[in-house]
């Protein structure tokens, strides 16, 4: 493959010209690509695409993820498409190219792996966001969402705790820590999870802290139970942390305080239409 010359591109039209010659995944590989193009939003979307591409590639290239257990119920519901493991997705990317395989080849619903589907969805979203911004018209293939079959809450799920440290870059109290964990909340009596009730659901709670004078301090009015069930996959947890962080920063910039934003984020949940989407949109 010949070397792609990106250094001369100073306008979005130059990116479009190169897209006529190269797939996006080959064209955008490094955060330093298109360094002569002075467009902040382009570079933001470019970097988001690189992150999404890196996430799905890391998952597909991890040997421990490749041999997905075959789910006969899933095959019976969605039909056998010839691909029912993560290894099959990885081979499709090798044979057909990453962009075509993930966006058009198959819905991969025979693959019973929520992490793989979550990263594919994130890749698709970042891909089309960048394409739309530069003004490149490309074909879109409608793909039905992945639907998990059944729910099981194990003790290990309830013991998980995740944290994310970030800087809101606001110029004041700008280093924060977000924690997502289960502290016993659910749909049962007094808002507590009842493991003996098969219809009950345990939920994650988020907490925001700020780093000040060398110590972490809990932010007042920044700890809420969410509508995120504790059976989230690792990929869904990563997306949830990013979503909570981004919305927190956006709220701080808009309102100069976190209380209103955190109240709204208590409604954060997995979309009923698409389990690879984290949202606070109204739930029916």
Protein backbone atom coordinates (compact mmCIF):
# COMPACT_ATOMS: atom_id res chain seq x y z
CA UNK A 1 0.00 0.00 0.00
CA UNK A 2 1.40 3.36 -1.03
CA UNK A 3 2.09 6.00 1.60
CA UNK A 4 -0.76 8.45 2.13
CA UNK A 5 0.31 12.10 2.03
CA UNK A 6 -1.81 14.02 4.54
CA UNK A 7 0.62 16.84 5.32
CA UNK A 8 -0.55 19.06 2.45
CA UNK A 9 -4.22 19.01 3.49
CA UNK A 10 -5.38 22.37 4.90
CA UNK A 11 -9.11 22.21 4.05
CA UNK A 12 -11.86 19.65 4.61
CA UNK A 13 -12.16 19.34 0.83
CA UNK A 14 -8.68 17.80 0.88
CA UNK A 15 -9.87 15.14 3.32
CA UNK A 16 -12.82 14.39 1.05
CA UNK A 17 -10.49 13.99 -1.93
CA UNK A 18 -8.40 11.44 -0.02
CA UNK A 19 -11.54 9.57 1.10
CA UNK A 20 -12.29 8.89 -2.55
CA UNK A 21 -8.99 6.99 -2.65
CA UNK A 22 -8.70 5.38 0.79
CA UNK A 23 -11.02 3.87 3.44
CA UNK A 24 -11.38 6.04 6.52
CA UNK A 25 -9.68 3.47 8.78
CA UNK A 26 -6.55 3.63 6.60
CA UNK A 27 -6.71 7.39 6.20
CA UNK A 28 -7.07 8.25 9.90
CA UNK A 29 -4.61 6.34 12.05
CA UNK A 30 -2.76 8.80 14.32
CA UNK A 31 -3.78 11.82 16.39
CA UNK A 32 -1.12 13.77 14.48
CA UNK A 33 -2.74 13.08 11.10
CA UNK A 34 -3.80 16.22 9.17
CA UNK A 35 -1.76 18.45 11.45
CA UNK A 36 -1.93 21.31 8.91
CA UNK A 37 -5.72 21.36 8.98
CA UNK A 38 -6.83 24.11 11.39
CA UNK A 39 -10.27 22.82 12.43
CA UNK A 40 -10.83 22.02 16.10
CA UNK A 41 -14.05 20.04 15.63
CA UNK A 42 -12.50 17.94 12.87
CA UNK A 43 -9.62 16.94 15.13
CA UNK A 44 -12.01 16.21 17.99
CA UNK A 45 -14.09 13.88 15.80
CA UNK A 46 -10.92 12.42 14.27
CA UNK A 47 -9.56 11.54 17.71
CA UNK A 48 -12.92 10.07 18.77
CA UNK A 49 -12.81 7.85 15.68
CA UNK A 50 -9.26 6.76 16.49
CA UNK A 51 -10.35 5.86 20.03
CA UNK A 52 -13.32 3.85 18.77
CA UNK A 53 -11.21 2.06 16.17
CA UNK A 54 -8.56 1.24 18.75
CA UNK A 55 -11.18 -0.15 21.14
CA UNK A 56 -12.75 -2.58 18.66
CA UNK A 57 -9.35 -3.64 17.28
CA UNK A 58 -8.03 -4.32 20.78
CA UNK A 59 -11.07 -6.44 21.52
CA UNK A 60 -10.89 -8.37 18.23
CA UNK A 61 -7.13 -8.95 18.64
CA UNK A 62 -7.38 -10.31 22.20
CA UNK A 63 -7.10 -14.12 21.95
CA UNK A 64 -9.24 -14.60 25.06
CA UNK A 65 -12.23 -13.00 23.31
CA UNK A 66 -12.14 -14.92 20.04
CA UNK A 67 -13.88 -18.23 20.80
CA UNK A 68 -17.31 -16.94 21.74
CA UNK A 69 -19.57 -19.63 23.27
CA UNK A 70 -22.20 -20.59 20.72
CA UNK A 71 -25.72 -19.67 21.81
CA UNK A 72 -28.21 -21.96 20.02
CA UNK A 73 -31.13 -19.78 21.13
CA UNK A 74 -29.56 -16.78 19.45
CA UNK A 75 -28.97 -18.71 16.25
CA UNK A 76 -32.56 -19.95 16.32
CA UNK A 77 -33.88 -16.41 16.74
CA UNK A 78 -31.64 -14.56 14.28
CA UNK A 79 -30.58 -17.30 11.91
CA UNK A 80 -27.12 -18.59 11.12
CA UNK A 81 -25.19 -16.01 9.09
CA UNK A 82 -21.92 -17.96 9.00
CA UNK A 83 -20.41 -15.81 11.75
CA UNK A 84 -21.13 -16.72 15.36
CA UNK A 85 -17.87 -15.90 17.17
CA UNK A 86 -15.68 -12.85 17.71
CA UNK A 87 -13.04 -14.72 15.71
CA UNK A 88 -15.46 -14.64 12.77
CA UNK A 89 -15.80 -10.86 13.07
CA UNK A 90 -12.01 -10.49 13.18
CA UNK A 91 -11.59 -12.65 10.08
CA UNK A 92 -14.24 -10.64 8.24
CA UNK A 93 -12.28 -7.46 9.01
CA UNK A 94 -9.07 -9.06 7.72
CA UNK A 95 -10.70 -10.33 4.52
CA UNK A 96 -12.94 -7.39 3.63
CA UNK A 97 -11.38 -4.43 5.37
CA UNK A 98 -12.47 -3.05 8.71
CA UNK A 99 -14.87 -0.38 7.47
CA UNK A 100 -16.84 -2.58 5.09
CA UNK A 101 -16.96 -5.58 7.41
CA UNK A 102 -18.20 -3.70 10.48
CA UNK A 103 -20.55 -1.28 8.74
CA UNK A 104 -22.03 -3.33 5.89
CA UNK A 105 -21.05 -7.00 5.82
CA UNK A 106 -23.29 -8.38 8.57
CA UNK A 107 -25.26 -7.46 11.67
CA UNK A 108 -23.30 -10.22 13.47
CA UNK A 109 -26.33 -10.97 15.64
CA UNK A 110 -25.30 -14.62 15.76
CA UNK A 111 -22.34 -13.55 17.92
CA UNK A 112 -23.43 -13.68 21.56
CA UNK A 113 -21.02 -11.02 22.87
CA UNK A 114 -22.37 -7.67 24.10
CA UNK A 115 -18.84 -6.21 24.35
CA UNK A 116 -18.15 -6.82 20.67
CA UNK A 117 -21.48 -5.30 19.64
CA UNK A 118 -20.95 -2.29 21.89
CA UNK A 119 -17.53 -1.52 20.38
CA UNK A 120 -18.86 -2.03 16.85
CA UNK A 121 -21.67 0.43 17.58
CA UNK A 122 -19.21 2.97 18.99
CA UNK A 123 -17.04 2.55 15.88
CA UNK A 124 -20.05 3.08 13.61
CA UNK A 125 -21.15 6.22 15.47
CA UNK A 126 -17.66 7.77 15.37
CA UNK A 127 -17.22 6.80 11.71
CA UNK A 128 -20.41 8.49 10.50
CA UNK A 129 -19.93 11.52 12.76
CA UNK A 130 -16.58 12.22 11.12
CA UNK A 131 -17.84 11.48 7.61
CA UNK A 132 -20.83 13.78 8.07
CA UNK A 133 -18.66 16.61 9.33
CA UNK A 134 -16.20 16.54 6.43
CA UNK A 135 -19.13 16.30 4.01
CA UNK A 136 -18.38 12.92 2.48
CA UNK A 137 -21.50 11.09 1.35
CA UNK A 138 -21.29 7.39 2.10
CA UNK A 139 -23.62 4.41 2.03
CA UNK A 140 -25.31 3.43 5.28
CA UNK A 141 -26.60 -0.04 6.03
CA UNK A 142 -29.46 -0.35 8.51
CA UNK A 143 -28.56 -2.94 11.12
CA UNK A 144 -30.89 -4.24 13.84
CA UNK A 145 -29.61 -3.76 17.40
CA UNK A 146 -28.12 -6.52 19.50
CA UNK A 147 -30.58 -7.75 22.13
CA UNK A 148 -29.37 -9.62 25.20
CA UNK A 149 -31.21 -12.88 25.85
CA UNK A 150 -32.11 -13.13 29.52
CA UNK A 151 -30.65 -11.52 32.66
CA UNK A 152 -28.58 -13.10 35.44
CA UNK A 153 -27.07 -11.13 38.32
CA UNK A 154 -24.08 -12.86 39.88
CA UNK A 155 -22.31 -11.84 43.12
CA UNK A 156 -19.26 -10.84 41.05
CA UNK A 157 -21.39 -8.36 39.10
CA UNK A 158 -22.58 -6.71 42.30
CA UNK A 159 -19.06 -6.38 43.69
CA UNK A 160 -17.65 -4.50 40.73
CA UNK A 161 -16.42 -0.93 41.18
CA UNK A 162 -15.08 1.38 38.50
CA UNK A 163 -13.48 4.81 38.70
CA UNK A 164 -12.38 7.47 36.24
CA UNK A 165 -10.22 10.49 37.06
CA UNK A 166 -10.45 13.47 34.74
CA UNK A 167 -9.93 17.19 34.41
CA UNK A 168 -12.89 19.30 33.45
CA UNK A 169 -10.46 22.09 32.40
CA UNK A 170 -12.68 24.74 33.92
CA UNK A 171 -10.00 26.70 35.71
CA UNK A 172 -11.30 25.90 39.20
CA UNK A 173 -11.52 22.66 41.18
CA UNK A 174 -10.83 21.02 37.89
CA UNK A 175 -9.70 17.53 38.86
CA UNK A 176 -12.49 15.09 39.52
CA UNK A 177 -13.04 11.41 40.14
CA UNK A 178 -16.13 9.50 39.06
CA UNK A 179 -16.95 6.18 40.73
CA UNK A 180 -19.57 3.67 39.59
CA UNK A 181 -20.50 0.92 42.04
CA UNK A 182 -23.36 -1.05 43.56
CA UNK A 183 -24.19 -0.33 47.21
CA UNK A 184 -27.31 -2.49 47.52
CA UNK A 185 -29.91 -0.46 45.64
CA UNK A 186 -32.61 -2.01 43.51
CA UNK A 187 -36.36 -2.11 42.86
CA UNK A 188 -37.24 -3.82 46.13
CA UNK A 189 -38.62 -2.47 49.38
CA UNK A 190 -37.05 0.83 50.47
CA UNK A 191 -35.16 0.92 47.20
CA UNK A 192 -32.97 -2.06 48.10
CA UNK A 193 -32.10 -5.02 45.88
CA UNK A 194 -33.68 -8.34 46.88
CA UNK A 195 -31.63 -11.18 45.40
CA UNK A 196 -34.42 -13.66 46.27
CA UNK A 197 -36.82 -11.84 43.93
CA UNK A 198 -36.25 -12.87 40.33
CA UNK A 199 -38.01 -9.72 39.13
CA UNK A 200 -35.76 -7.33 41.06
CA UNK A 201 -32.89 -5.43 39.44
CA UNK A 202 -29.70 -4.19 41.16
CA UNK A 203 -28.45 -0.78 40.04
CA UNK A 204 -25.16 1.10 39.90
CA UNK A 205 -24.69 4.38 41.79
CA UNK A 206 -22.39 7.16 40.62
CA UNK A 207 -20.34 9.43 42.89
CA UNK A 208 -18.30 12.48 41.91
CA UNK A 209 -15.39 13.72 44.01
CA UNK A 210 -13.03 16.65 43.60
CA UNK A 211 -9.31 16.71 44.38
CA UNK A 212 -8.48 19.70 46.55
CA UNK A 213 -5.51 20.43 48.81
CA UNK A 214 -4.10 16.97 48.18
CA UNK A 215 -7.18 14.99 49.20
CA UNK A 216 -10.32 13.67 47.55
CA UNK A 217 -13.55 15.22 48.81
CA UNK A 218 -17.06 14.08 47.96
CA UNK A 219 -19.04 16.66 46.00
CA UNK A 220 -22.31 17.60 47.66
CA UNK A 221 -25.40 16.62 45.64
CA UNK A 222 -23.28 14.49 43.29
CA UNK A 223 -24.14 10.95 44.39
CA UNK A 224 -27.16 9.26 42.82
CA UNK A 225 -28.51 5.81 42.13
CA UNK A 226 -28.85 5.29 38.38
CA UNK A 227 -31.01 3.13 36.14
CA UNK A 228 -27.91 1.21 34.99
CA UNK A 229 -28.37 -2.44 35.92
CA UNK A 230 -25.39 -4.27 37.40
CA UNK A 231 -25.21 -6.76 34.52
CA UNK A 232 -23.61 -4.15 32.25
CA UNK A 233 -20.82 -5.56 30.13
CA UNK A 234 -17.32 -4.12 30.48
CA UNK A 235 -17.78 -2.23 27.22
CA UNK A 236 -21.09 -0.77 28.40
CA UNK A 237 -19.46 0.30 31.68
CA UNK A 238 -16.73 2.12 29.74
CA UNK A 239 -19.34 3.94 27.64
CA UNK A 240 -21.35 4.78 30.76
CA UNK A 241 -18.31 6.29 32.50
CA UNK A 242 -17.50 8.37 29.43
CA UNK A 243 -21.11 9.51 29.12
CA UNK A 244 -21.36 10.53 32.79
CA UNK A 245 -18.02 12.34 32.60
CA UNK A 246 -18.91 14.23 29.41
CA UNK A 247 -22.35 15.25 30.69
CA UNK A 248 -20.87 16.36 34.02
CA UNK A 249 -18.34 18.60 32.23
CA UNK A 250 -21.00 19.96 29.90
CA UNK A 251 -23.24 20.78 32.84
CA UNK A 252 -20.46 22.53 34.72
CA UNK A 253 -19.76 24.71 31.71
CA UNK A 254 -23.43 25.53 31.21
CA UNK A 255 -24.62 25.99 34.79
CA UNK A 256 -21.32 26.61 36.65
CA UNK A 257 -22.49 23.95 39.13
CA UNK A 258 -23.08 20.22 39.10
CA UNK A 259 -26.32 19.73 41.07
CA UNK A 260 -28.81 20.09 38.21
CA UNK A 261 -26.72 17.90 35.92
CA UNK A 262 -26.29 15.14 38.50
CA UNK A 263 -30.03 15.11 39.17
CA UNK A 264 -30.64 14.53 35.47
CA UNK A 265 -27.92 11.88 35.30
CA UNK A 266 -29.75 9.81 37.92
CA UNK A 267 -31.92 8.77 34.97
CA UNK A 268 -28.98 7.43 32.97
CA UNK A 269 -29.81 4.03 31.48
CA UNK A 270 -29.20 1.66 28.61
CA UNK A 271 -31.43 2.41 25.64
CA UNK A 272 -34.30 -0.08 25.31
CA UNK A 273 -33.97 0.15 21.53
CA UNK A 274 -30.22 -0.38 21.43
CA UNK A 275 -28.18 -1.78 24.37
CA UNK A 276 -24.99 -0.26 22.96
CA UNK A 277 -26.35 3.25 23.65
CA UNK A 278 -26.14 5.00 27.06
CA UNK A 279 -28.63 7.85 27.44
CA UNK A 280 -30.76 9.97 29.75
CA UNK A 281 -33.54 10.25 27.20
CA UNK A 282 -37.06 9.74 28.52
CA UNK A 283 -37.90 6.08 29.04
CA UNK A 284 -41.30 4.78 28.01
